């Protein structure tokens, strides 16, 4: 995965709250058993912690303030994205939003951007309080993606993914898939409280995987507004394999087998490893969001 060295990164799309102190209250999604249950239930790569009843309290604006602002100081160009993990994620956010903005315009609509919040350990959101135990998630109430960068180490060590830069990009693109669903009204279908292999919750997650693939298909041909050239200049077959591997690693069946020793499809919320790979590749192969109708 390669970025244009001379491209300018737009750090306004990322809020860097790493190292910020979260005042008051207590963490309601902790490590140990509670964190493990959260992972098995499937908030991983999902939508706000309030869905699982694992949060409490009102959002604290200070929690997402850019008090450290590391990315604003260090992530300026594509060259930085080619050498630093956090800058790479800034570049992926930029590329993802460039694509969806242009796609919405092509379809006669208007794209509303979403920020990504980098945090460490715990964060308060409009969807409630969460810790990094729940994995990356999108909060529809404040239209922000939340990401503890330490998760990518866990993706390799705990979930057995091969890792790599594009595995990280896949995670970000999946969360922006939820943002697209929020803008189009599809995300509400997952709010019926049902679980299971054929539930709307699973179909919403698989569609977000497909949207991630659609972005990947178009990433190297989407012009950056500042330069008129694509921000991402190269994606290799190995990159796509890393993305597929990450998708499989967080399939409900893989997670359940690893953490509870058995597979229970009636409690699925995200889909199997095979389904997640299938729908990501469907998006990547076609490059067309219209081919991501998981509800048919």
C-alpha atoms as a PDB file:
ATOM      1  CA  UNK A   1       0.000   0.000   0.000  1.00  0.00           C
ATOM      2  CA  UNK A   2       1.654   3.193  -1.185  1.00  0.00           C
ATOM      3  CA  UNK A   3       0.691   6.860  -0.890  1.00  0.00           C
ATOM      4  CA  UNK A   4       1.690   9.814  -3.045  1.00  0.00           C
ATOM      5  CA  UNK A   5       4.667  11.311  -1.209  1.00  0.00           C
ATOM      6  CA  UNK A   6       3.759  14.842  -2.257  1.00  0.00           C
ATOM      7  CA  UNK A   7       0.067  14.731  -1.317  1.00  0.00           C
ATOM      8  CA  UNK A   8      -1.119  16.934   1.526  1.00  0.00           C
ATOM      9  CA  UNK A   9      -2.971  15.160   4.345  1.00  0.00           C
ATOM     10  CA  UNK A  10      -6.126  16.715   5.758  1.00  0.00           C
ATOM     11  CA  UNK A  11      -5.730  16.230   9.508  1.00  0.00           C
ATOM     12  CA  UNK A  12      -8.963  18.123  10.195  1.00  0.00           C
ATOM     13  CA  UNK A  13     -10.765  14.834   9.527  1.00  0.00           C
ATOM     14  CA  UNK A  14      -9.087  13.190  12.533  1.00  0.00           C
ATOM     15  CA  UNK A  15      -9.312  14.134  16.217  1.00  0.00           C
ATOM     16  CA  UNK A  16      -6.332  12.912  18.174  1.00  0.00           C
ATOM     17  CA  UNK A  17      -7.389  12.346  21.793  1.00  0.00           C
ATOM     18  CA  UNK A  18      -4.634   9.879  22.680  1.00  0.00           C
ATOM     19  CA  UNK A  19      -3.372  10.623  26.148  1.00  0.00           C
ATOM     20  CA  UNK A  20      -6.370  12.777  27.061  1.00  0.00           C
ATOM     21  CA  UNK A  21      -7.719  12.354  30.573  1.00  0.00           C
ATOM     22  CA  UNK A  22     -11.360  11.291  30.720  1.00  0.00           C
ATOM     23  CA  UNK A  23     -12.735  12.984  33.827  1.00  0.00           C
ATOM     24  CA  UNK A  24     -15.345  11.511  36.165  1.00  0.00           C
ATOM     25  CA  UNK A  25     -17.372   8.303  36.144  1.00  0.00           C
ATOM     26  CA  UNK A  26     -16.137   4.795  35.676  1.00  0.00           C
ATOM     27  CA  UNK A  27     -15.456   2.606  32.671  1.00  0.00           C
ATOM     28  CA  UNK A  28     -18.468   0.405  32.059  1.00  0.00           C
ATOM     29  CA  UNK A  29     -16.888  -1.840  29.439  1.00  0.00           C
ATOM     30  CA  UNK A  30     -13.801  -3.227  31.072  1.00  0.00           C
ATOM     31  CA  UNK A  31     -11.156  -5.775  30.396  1.00  0.00           C
ATOM     32  CA  UNK A  32     -11.274  -9.340  31.627  1.00  0.00           C
ATOM     33  CA  UNK A  33     -14.607 -11.150  31.423  1.00  0.00           C
ATOM     34  CA  UNK A  34     -16.709  -8.114  30.526  1.00  0.00           C
ATOM     35  CA  UNK A  35     -14.377  -7.169  27.681  1.00  0.00           C
ATOM     36  CA  UNK A  36     -14.337 -10.766  26.493  1.00  0.00           C
ATOM     37  CA  UNK A  37     -18.125 -10.965  26.489  1.00  0.00           C
ATOM     38  CA  UNK A  38     -18.275  -7.717  24.521  1.00  0.00           C
ATOM     39  CA  UNK A  39     -15.969  -9.169  21.898  1.00  0.00           C
ATOM     40  CA  UNK A  40     -17.892 -12.441  21.644  1.00  0.00           C
ATOM     41  CA  UNK A  41     -21.207 -10.615  21.374  1.00  0.00           C
ATOM     42  CA  UNK A  42     -19.812  -8.797  18.403  1.00  0.00           C
ATOM     43  CA  UNK A  43     -19.406  -5.067  18.883  1.00  0.00           C
ATOM     44  CA  UNK A  44     -16.018  -5.520  17.230  1.00  0.00           C
ATOM     45  CA  UNK A  45     -16.045  -3.449  14.030  1.00  0.00           C
ATOM     46  CA  UNK A  46     -19.555  -2.378  14.954  1.00  0.00           C
ATOM     47  CA  UNK A  47     -21.844   0.438  15.924  1.00  0.00           C
ATOM     48  CA  UNK A  48     -21.883   2.328  19.251  1.00  0.00           C
ATOM     49  CA  UNK A  49     -21.569   0.589  22.646  1.00  0.00           C
ATOM     50  CA  UNK A  50     -25.121   1.564  23.613  1.00  0.00           C
ATOM     51  CA  UNK A  51     -26.398  -1.241  21.386  1.00  0.00           C
ATOM     52  CA  UNK A  52     -25.123  -3.857  23.828  1.00  0.00           C
ATOM     53  CA  UNK A  53     -26.152  -1.983  26.964  1.00  0.00           C
ATOM     54  CA  UNK A  54     -22.497  -1.740  27.930  1.00  0.00           C
ATOM     55  CA  UNK A  55     -22.295   1.997  28.447  1.00  0.00           C
ATOM     56  CA  UNK A  56     -23.608   4.714  30.692  1.00  0.00           C
ATOM     57  CA  UNK A  57     -23.383   8.455  31.166  1.00  0.00           C
ATOM     58  CA  UNK A  58     -23.590  11.416  28.840  1.00  0.00           C
ATOM     59  CA  UNK A  59     -20.963  12.369  26.279  1.00  0.00           C
ATOM     60  CA  UNK A  60     -18.080  14.464  27.540  1.00  0.00           C
ATOM     61  CA  UNK A  61     -16.784  16.928  24.920  1.00  0.00           C
ATOM     62  CA  UNK A  62     -13.395  16.964  26.620  1.00  0.00           C
ATOM     63  CA  UNK A  63     -12.998  13.279  25.846  1.00  0.00           C
ATOM     64  CA  UNK A  64     -12.684  13.919  22.145  1.00  0.00           C
ATOM     65  CA  UNK A  65     -10.906  17.237  22.234  1.00  0.00           C
ATOM     66  CA  UNK A  66      -7.639  17.364  20.359  1.00  0.00           C
ATOM     67  CA  UNK A  67      -5.589  17.923  23.523  1.00  0.00           C
ATOM     68  CA  UNK A  68      -2.551  16.041  22.278  1.00  0.00           C
ATOM     69  CA  UNK A  69      -2.964  16.713  18.574  1.00  0.00           C
ATOM     70  CA  UNK A  70      -0.127  14.452  17.521  1.00  0.00           C
ATOM     71  CA  UNK A  71      -1.395  13.900  14.009  1.00  0.00           C
ATOM     72  CA  UNK A  72      -1.836  17.624  13.396  1.00  0.00           C
ATOM     73  CA  UNK A  73       1.852  18.116  14.136  1.00  0.00           C
ATOM     74  CA  UNK A  74       3.380  15.094  12.442  1.00  0.00           C
ATOM     75  CA  UNK A  75       1.072  13.964   9.625  1.00  0.00           C
ATOM     76  CA  UNK A  76       1.428  16.465   6.836  1.00  0.00           C
ATOM     77  CA  UNK A  77       2.127  14.609   3.584  1.00  0.00           C
ATOM     78  CA  UNK A  78       1.804  11.247   1.904  1.00  0.00           C
ATOM     79  CA  UNK A  79       5.443  10.683   2.746  1.00  0.00           C
ATOM     80  CA  UNK A  80       4.459  10.706   6.424  1.00  0.00           C
ATOM     81  CA  UNK A  81       1.694   8.215   5.666  1.00  0.00           C
ATOM     82  CA  UNK A  82       4.262   5.888   4.129  1.00  0.00           C
ATOM     83  CA  UNK A  83       6.355   5.879   7.320  1.00  0.00           C
ATOM     84  CA  UNK A  84       3.952   6.223  10.306  1.00  0.00           C
ATOM     85  CA  UNK A  85       0.959   4.102  11.294  1.00  0.00           C
ATOM     86  CA  UNK A  86      -1.127   7.001  12.603  1.00  0.00           C
ATOM     87  CA  UNK A  87      -0.407   9.101   9.518  1.00  0.00           C
ATOM     88  CA  UNK A  88      -1.328   6.144   7.330  1.00  0.00           C
ATOM     89  CA  UNK A  89      -4.710   6.008   9.015  1.00  0.00           C
ATOM     90  CA  UNK A  90      -5.187   9.737   8.457  1.00  0.00           C
ATOM     91  CA  UNK A  91      -4.475   9.150   4.774  1.00  0.00           C
ATOM     92  CA  UNK A  92      -6.947   6.250   4.639  1.00  0.00           C
ATOM     93  CA  UNK A  93      -9.624   8.429   6.236  1.00  0.00           C
ATOM     94  CA  UNK A  94      -8.890  11.131   3.632  1.00  0.00           C
ATOM     95  CA  UNK A  95      -9.029   8.657   0.744  1.00  0.00           C
ATOM     96  CA  UNK A  96     -12.209   6.988   1.993  1.00  0.00           C
ATOM     97  CA  UNK A  97     -14.039  10.281   2.393  1.00  0.00           C
ATOM     98  CA  UNK A  98     -12.762  11.600  -0.948  1.00  0.00           C
ATOM     99  CA  UNK A  99     -14.235   8.538  -2.629  1.00  0.00           C
ATOM    100  CA  UNK A 100     -17.629   8.664  -0.930  1.00  0.00           C
ATOM    101  CA  UNK A 101     -17.963  12.401  -1.450  1.00  0.00           C
ATOM    102  CA  UNK A 102     -17.380  11.965  -5.178  1.00  0.00           C
ATOM    103  CA  UNK A 103     -19.631   8.910  -5.342  1.00  0.00           C
ATOM    104  CA  UNK A 104     -22.500  10.739  -3.639  1.00  0.00           C
ATOM    105  CA  UNK A 105     -22.048  13.672  -6.020  1.00  0.00           C
ATOM    106  CA  UNK A 106     -22.087  11.299  -9.001  1.00  0.00           C
ATOM    107  CA  UNK A 107     -25.388   9.927  -7.763  1.00  0.00           C
ATOM    108  CA  UNK A 108     -26.844  13.397  -7.270  1.00  0.00           C
ATOM    109  CA  UNK A 109     -26.542  13.403  -3.489  1.00  0.00           C
ATOM    110  CA  UNK A 110     -24.453  15.183  -0.895  1.00  0.00           C
ATOM    111  CA  UNK A 111     -21.967  13.504   1.405  1.00  0.00           C
ATOM    112  CA  UNK A 112     -21.677  14.654   5.021  1.00  0.00           C
ATOM    113  CA  UNK A 113     -18.182  13.918   6.353  1.00  0.00           C
ATOM    114  CA  UNK A 114     -17.435  12.011   9.559  1.00  0.00           C
ATOM    115  CA  UNK A 115     -14.445  12.492  11.851  1.00  0.00           C
ATOM    116  CA  UNK A 116     -12.282   9.684  13.182  1.00  0.00           C
ATOM    117  CA  UNK A 117     -11.242   9.894  16.838  1.00  0.00           C
ATOM    118  CA  UNK A 118      -7.982   8.294  17.953  1.00  0.00           C
ATOM    119  CA  UNK A 119      -8.172   7.448  21.656  1.00  0.00           C
ATOM    120  CA  UNK A 120      -6.305   5.460  24.265  1.00  0.00           C
ATOM    121  CA  UNK A 121      -8.037   3.058  26.620  1.00  0.00           C
ATOM    122  CA  UNK A 122     -11.397   4.731  27.152  1.00  0.00           C
ATOM    123  CA  UNK A 123     -13.565   7.306  25.433  1.00  0.00           C
ATOM    124  CA  UNK A 124     -16.907   9.023  25.990  1.00  0.00           C
ATOM    125  CA  UNK A 125     -19.155   9.396  22.967  1.00  0.00           C
ATOM    126  CA  UNK A 126     -22.720  10.382  22.148  1.00  0.00           C
ATOM    127  CA  UNK A 127     -23.383   6.619  22.152  1.00  0.00           C
ATOM    128  CA  UNK A 128     -22.029   6.186  25.670  1.00  0.00           C
ATOM    129  CA  UNK A 129     -18.735   5.346  27.317  1.00  0.00           C
ATOM    130  CA  UNK A 130     -16.545   2.598  25.850  1.00  0.00           C
ATOM    131  CA  UNK A 131     -13.095   1.146  26.317  1.00  0.00           C
ATOM    132  CA  UNK A 132     -10.783  -0.269  23.708  1.00  0.00           C
ATOM    133  CA  UNK A 133     -12.094  -3.740  24.668  1.00  0.00           C
ATOM    134  CA  UNK A 134     -15.036  -3.252  22.318  1.00  0.00           C
ATOM    135  CA  UNK A 135     -12.825  -2.673  19.288  1.00  0.00           C
ATOM    136  CA  UNK A 136     -13.286   0.022  16.638  1.00  0.00           C
ATOM    137  CA  UNK A 137     -16.827   1.351  16.277  1.00  0.00           C
ATOM    138  CA  UNK A 138     -18.971   4.008  14.629  1.00  0.00           C
ATOM    139  CA  UNK A 139     -21.326   6.172  16.678  1.00  0.00           C
ATOM    140  CA  UNK A 140     -24.313   7.288  14.574  1.00  0.00           C
ATOM    141  CA  UNK A 141     -25.382   9.825  17.211  1.00  0.00           C
ATOM    142  CA  UNK A 142     -22.294  11.988  16.721  1.00  0.00           C
ATOM    143  CA  UNK A 143     -21.269  10.597  13.309  1.00  0.00           C
ATOM    144  CA  UNK A 144     -17.755   9.725  14.388  1.00  0.00           C
ATOM    145  CA  UNK A 145     -15.523   6.662  14.069  1.00  0.00           C
ATOM    146  CA  UNK A 146     -13.637   5.689  17.241  1.00  0.00           C
ATOM    147  CA  UNK A 147     -10.346   3.840  17.094  1.00  0.00           C
ATOM    148  CA  UNK A 148      -7.730   2.820  19.657  1.00  0.00           C
ATOM    149  CA  UNK A 149      -4.648   2.164  17.530  1.00  0.00           C
ATOM    150  CA  UNK A 150      -3.548  -0.564  19.943  1.00  0.00           C
ATOM    151  CA  UNK A 151      -6.365  -2.681  18.520  1.00  0.00           C
ATOM    152  CA  UNK A 152      -4.267  -3.562  15.481  1.00  0.00           C
ATOM    153  CA  UNK A 153      -1.771  -5.390  17.676  1.00  0.00           C
ATOM    154  CA  UNK A 154      -4.670  -7.373  19.154  1.00  0.00           C
ATOM    155  CA  UNK A 155      -5.953  -8.153  15.670  1.00  0.00           C
ATOM    156  CA  UNK A 156      -2.729 -10.083  15.123  1.00  0.00           C
ATOM    157  CA  UNK A 157      -2.018 -11.438  18.613  1.00  0.00           C
ATOM    158  CA  UNK A 158      -5.556 -12.338  19.762  1.00  0.00           C
ATOM    159  CA  UNK A 159      -7.449 -12.899  16.540  1.00  0.00           C
ATOM    160  CA  UNK A 160      -4.687 -14.381  14.400  1.00  0.00           C
ATOM    161  CA  UNK A 161      -4.844 -11.942  11.486  1.00  0.00           C
ATOM    162  CA  UNK A 162      -1.714 -11.554   9.382  1.00  0.00           C
ATOM    163  CA  UNK A 163      -1.811  -7.788   9.871  1.00  0.00           C
ATOM    164  CA  UNK A 164      -0.241  -5.346   7.461  1.00  0.00           C
ATOM    165  CA  UNK A 165      -1.117  -1.769   6.471  1.00  0.00           C
ATOM    166  CA  UNK A 166      -4.144  -2.727   4.425  1.00  0.00           C
ATOM    167  CA  UNK A 167      -5.639  -4.748   7.276  1.00  0.00           C
ATOM    168  CA  UNK A 168      -5.739  -1.435   9.153  1.00  0.00           C
ATOM    169  CA  UNK A 169      -7.221   0.302   6.127  1.00  0.00           C
ATOM    170  CA  UNK A 170      -9.946  -2.347   5.886  1.00  0.00           C
ATOM    171  CA  UNK A 171     -10.992  -1.676   9.497  1.00  0.00           C
ATOM    172  CA  UNK A 172     -11.287   2.077   8.867  1.00  0.00           C
ATOM    173  CA  UNK A 173     -13.131   1.590   5.570  1.00  0.00           C
ATOM    174  CA  UNK A 174     -15.586  -0.800   7.246  1.00  0.00           C
ATOM    175  CA  UNK A 175     -16.447   1.822   9.865  1.00  0.00           C
ATOM    176  CA  UNK A 176     -16.991   4.413   7.154  1.00  0.00           C
ATOM    177  CA  UNK A 177     -19.279   1.858   5.541  1.00  0.00           C
ATOM    178  CA  UNK A 178     -21.461   2.271   8.648  1.00  0.00           C
ATOM    179  CA  UNK A 179     -21.378   6.023   8.129  1.00  0.00           C
ATOM    180  CA  UNK A 180     -22.647   5.534   4.581  1.00  0.00           C
ATOM    181  CA  UNK A 181     -25.426   3.336   5.957  1.00  0.00           C
ATOM    182  CA  UNK A 182     -26.290   6.047   8.454  1.00  0.00           C
ATOM    183  CA  UNK A 183     -26.532   8.642   5.692  1.00  0.00           C
ATOM    184  CA  UNK A 184     -28.683   6.387   3.506  1.00  0.00           C
ATOM    185  CA  UNK A 185     -30.966   5.221   6.339  1.00  0.00           C
ATOM    186  CA  UNK A 186     -29.903   1.581   6.179  1.00  0.00           C
ATOM    187  CA  UNK A 187     -28.225   1.553   9.587  1.00  0.00           C
ATOM    188  CA  UNK A 188     -31.585   1.766  11.354  1.00  0.00           C
ATOM    189  CA  UNK A 189     -32.383  -1.751  10.171  1.00  0.00           C
ATOM    190  CA  UNK A 190     -29.837  -3.119  12.635  1.00  0.00           C
ATOM    191  CA  UNK A 191     -31.633  -1.543  15.594  1.00  0.00           C
ATOM    192  CA  UNK A 192     -34.351  -4.184  15.920  1.00  0.00           C
ATOM    193  CA  UNK A 193     -32.485  -6.009  18.686  1.00  0.00           C
ATOM    194  CA  UNK A 194     -32.325  -9.335  16.853  1.00  0.00           C
ATOM    195  CA  UNK A 195     -29.306 -11.567  16.456  1.00  0.00           C
ATOM    196  CA  UNK A 196     -28.582 -14.618  14.357  1.00  0.00           C
ATOM    197  CA  UNK A 197     -27.076 -15.642  11.050  1.00  0.00           C
ATOM    198  CA  UNK A 198     -29.991 -14.177   9.074  1.00  0.00           C
ATOM    199  CA  UNK A 199     -30.544 -11.082  11.226  1.00  0.00           C
ATOM    200  CA  UNK A 200     -30.506  -7.499  10.019  1.00  0.00           C
ATOM    201  CA  UNK A 201     -27.546  -6.903  12.340  1.00  0.00           C
ATOM    202  CA  UNK A 202     -25.459  -9.369  10.318  1.00  0.00           C
ATOM    203  CA  UNK A 203     -26.677  -7.983   6.995  1.00  0.00           C
ATOM    204  CA  UNK A 204     -25.701  -4.456   8.024  1.00  0.00           C
ATOM    205  CA  UNK A 205     -22.197  -5.589   8.988  1.00  0.00           C
ATOM    206  CA  UNK A 206     -21.712  -7.543   5.768  1.00  0.00           C
ATOM    207  CA  UNK A 207     -22.826  -4.535   3.747  1.00  0.00           C
ATOM    208  CA  UNK A 208     -20.236  -2.398   5.563  1.00  0.00           C
ATOM    209  CA  UNK A 209     -17.630  -4.989   4.539  1.00  0.00           C
ATOM    210  CA  UNK A 210     -18.828  -4.709   0.960  1.00  0.00           C
ATOM    211  CA  UNK A 211     -18.630  -0.918   1.059  1.00  0.00           C
ATOM    212  CA  UNK A 212     -15.040  -1.258   2.321  1.00  0.00           C
ATOM    213  CA  UNK A 213     -14.320  -3.360  -0.750  1.00  0.00           C
ATOM    214  CA  UNK A 214     -15.956  -0.792  -3.030  1.00  0.00           C
ATOM    215  CA  UNK A 215     -13.640   1.882  -1.665  1.00  0.00           C
ATOM    216  CA  UNK A 216     -10.612  -0.407  -2.117  1.00  0.00           C
ATOM    217  CA  UNK A 217     -11.566  -0.992  -5.763  1.00  0.00           C
ATOM    218  CA  UNK A 218     -11.681   2.743  -6.404  1.00  0.00           C
ATOM    219  CA  UNK A 219      -8.920   3.946  -4.066  1.00  0.00           C
ATOM    220  CA  UNK A 220      -6.133   4.191  -6.644  1.00  0.00           C
ATOM    221  CA  UNK A 221      -8.329   6.058  -9.128  1.00  0.00           C
ATOM    222  CA  UNK A 222     -10.020   8.564  -6.793  1.00  0.00           C
ATOM    223  CA  UNK A 223      -8.389  11.991  -7.221  1.00  0.00           C
ATOM    224  CA  UNK A 224      -7.418  13.970  -4.158  1.00  0.00           C
ATOM    225  CA  UNK A 225      -9.033  17.406  -4.240  1.00  0.00           C
ATOM    226  CA  UNK A 226      -5.787  19.242  -3.465  1.00  0.00           C
ATOM    227  CA  UNK A 227      -3.609  17.589  -6.122  1.00  0.00           C
ATOM    228  CA  UNK A 228      -6.034  16.099  -8.641  1.00  0.00           C
ATOM    229  CA  UNK A 229      -4.105  12.819  -8.311  1.00  0.00           C
ATOM    230  CA  UNK A 230      -5.016   9.714  -6.281  1.00  0.00           C
ATOM    231  CA  UNK A 231      -3.728   9.839  -2.710  1.00  0.00           C
ATOM    232  CA  UNK A 232      -3.209   6.059  -2.807  1.00  0.00           C
ATOM    233  CA  UNK A 233      -0.954   5.177  -5.707  1.00  0.00           C
ATOM    234  CA  UNK A 234      -0.647   1.411  -5.282  1.00  0.00           C
ATOM    235  CA  UNK A 235      -2.583  -1.519  -3.807  1.00  0.00           C
ATOM    236  CA  UNK A 236      -1.120  -4.959  -4.349  1.00  0.00           C
ATOM    237  CA  UNK A 237      -2.666  -8.428  -4.344  1.00  0.00           C
ATOM    238  CA  UNK A 238      -0.912  -8.963  -1.023  1.00  0.00           C
ATOM    239  CA  UNK A 239      -2.693  -5.908   0.403  1.00  0.00           C
ATOM    240  CA  UNK A 240      -6.069  -7.315  -0.599  1.00  0.00           C
ATOM    241  CA  UNK A 241      -5.162 -10.691   0.893  1.00  0.00           C
ATOM    242  CA  UNK A 242      -4.350  -8.931   4.174  1.00  0.00           C
ATOM    243  CA  UNK A 243      -7.769  -7.266   4.048  1.00  0.00           C
ATOM    244  CA  UNK A 244      -9.512 -10.581   3.388  1.00  0.00           C
ATOM    245  CA  UNK A 245      -7.546 -12.215   6.176  1.00  0.00           C
ATOM    246  CA  UNK A 246      -8.559  -9.477   8.632  1.00  0.00           C
ATOM    247  CA  UNK A 247     -12.210  -9.861   7.571  1.00  0.00           C
ATOM    248  CA  UNK A 248     -12.058 -13.592   8.250  1.00  0.00           C
ATOM    249  CA  UNK A 249     -10.314 -13.156  11.604  1.00  0.00           C
ATOM    250  CA  UNK A 250     -13.261 -11.192  13.004  1.00  0.00           C
ATOM    251  CA  UNK A 251     -15.992 -13.499  11.707  1.00  0.00           C
ATOM    252  CA  UNK A 252     -18.477 -14.472  14.405  1.00  0.00           C
ATOM    253  CA  UNK A 253     -17.678 -18.165  14.018  1.00  0.00           C
ATOM    254  CA  UNK A 254     -13.930 -17.611  14.418  1.00  0.00           C
ATOM    255  CA  UNK A 255     -14.385 -15.391  17.477  1.00  0.00           C
ATOM    256  CA  UNK A 256     -16.878 -17.740  19.136  1.00  0.00           C
ATOM    257  CA  UNK A 257     -14.747 -20.799  18.513  1.00  0.00           C
ATOM    258  CA  UNK A 258     -11.708 -19.061  19.980  1.00  0.00           C
ATOM    259  CA  UNK A 259     -13.299 -17.455  23.028  1.00  0.00           C
ATOM    260  CA  UNK A 260     -16.156 -19.787  23.973  1.00  0.00           C
ATOM    261  CA  UNK A 261     -15.101 -23.042  22.327  1.00  0.00           C
ATOM    262  CA  UNK A 262     -18.245 -23.501  20.220  1.00  0.00           C
ATOM    263  CA  UNK A 263     -20.081 -21.782  17.381  1.00  0.00           C
ATOM    264  CA  UNK A 264     -23.611 -20.502  18.059  1.00  0.00           C
ATOM    265  CA  UNK A 265     -25.064 -18.990  14.848  1.00  0.00           C
ATOM    266  CA  UNK A 266     -28.213 -17.905  16.673  1.00  0.00           C
ATOM    267  CA  UNK A 267     -26.172 -15.215  18.463  1.00  0.00           C
ATOM    268  CA  UNK A 268     -24.254 -13.899  15.442  1.00  0.00           C
ATOM    269  CA  UNK A 269     -24.158 -10.143  14.899  1.00  0.00           C
ATOM    270  CA  UNK A 270     -21.499  -9.746  12.183  1.00  0.00           C
ATOM    271  CA  UNK A 271     -21.497 -12.872  10.023  1.00  0.00           C
ATOM    272  CA  UNK A 272     -19.131 -15.764   9.486  1.00  0.00           C
ATOM    273  CA  UNK A 273     -15.529 -15.493   8.366  1.00  0.00           C
ATOM    274  CA  UNK A 274     -16.518 -16.773   4.929  1.00  0.00           C
ATOM    275  CA  UNK A 275     -19.369 -14.278   4.606  1.00  0.00           C
ATOM    276  CA  UNK A 276     -17.194 -11.341   5.622  1.00  0.00           C
ATOM    277  CA  UNK A 277     -14.577 -12.281   3.064  1.00  0.00           C
ATOM    278  CA  UNK A 278     -17.230 -12.876   0.413  1.00  0.00           C
ATOM    279  CA  UNK A 279     -18.853  -9.480   0.800  1.00  0.00           C
ATOM    280  CA  UNK A 280     -15.593  -7.549   1.048  1.00  0.00           C
ATOM    281  CA  UNK A 281     -14.473  -9.208  -2.172  1.00  0.00           C
ATOM    282  CA  UNK A 282     -17.860  -8.559  -3.792  1.00  0.00           C
ATOM    283  CA  UNK A 283     -17.308  -4.847  -3.244  1.00  0.00           C
ATOM    284  CA  UNK A 284     -13.691  -5.002  -4.344  1.00  0.00           C
ATOM    285  CA  UNK A 285     -14.494  -6.998  -7.485  1.00  0.00           C
ATOM    286  CA  UNK A 286     -17.361  -4.786  -8.661  1.00  0.00           C
ATOM    287  CA  UNK A 287     -16.463  -1.368  -7.245  1.00  0.00           C
ATOM    288  CA  UNK A 288     -20.195  -0.633  -7.184  1.00  0.00           C
ATOM    289  CA  UNK A 289     -22.159   0.075  -4.001  1.00  0.00           C
ATOM    290  CA  UNK A 290     -25.320  -1.070  -5.793  1.00  0.00           C
ATOM    291  CA  UNK A 291     -23.850  -4.593  -5.698  1.00  0.00           C
ATOM    292  CA  UNK A 292     -23.774  -4.518  -1.878  1.00  0.00           C
ATOM    293  CA  UNK A 293     -27.420  -5.316  -1.205  1.00  0.00           C
ATOM    294  CA  UNK A 294     -27.019  -7.890   1.550  1.00  0.00           C
ATOM    295  CA  UNK A 295     -30.753  -7.664   2.334  1.00  0.00           C
ATOM    296  CA  UNK A 296     -31.891  -9.469  -0.800  1.00  0.00           C
END
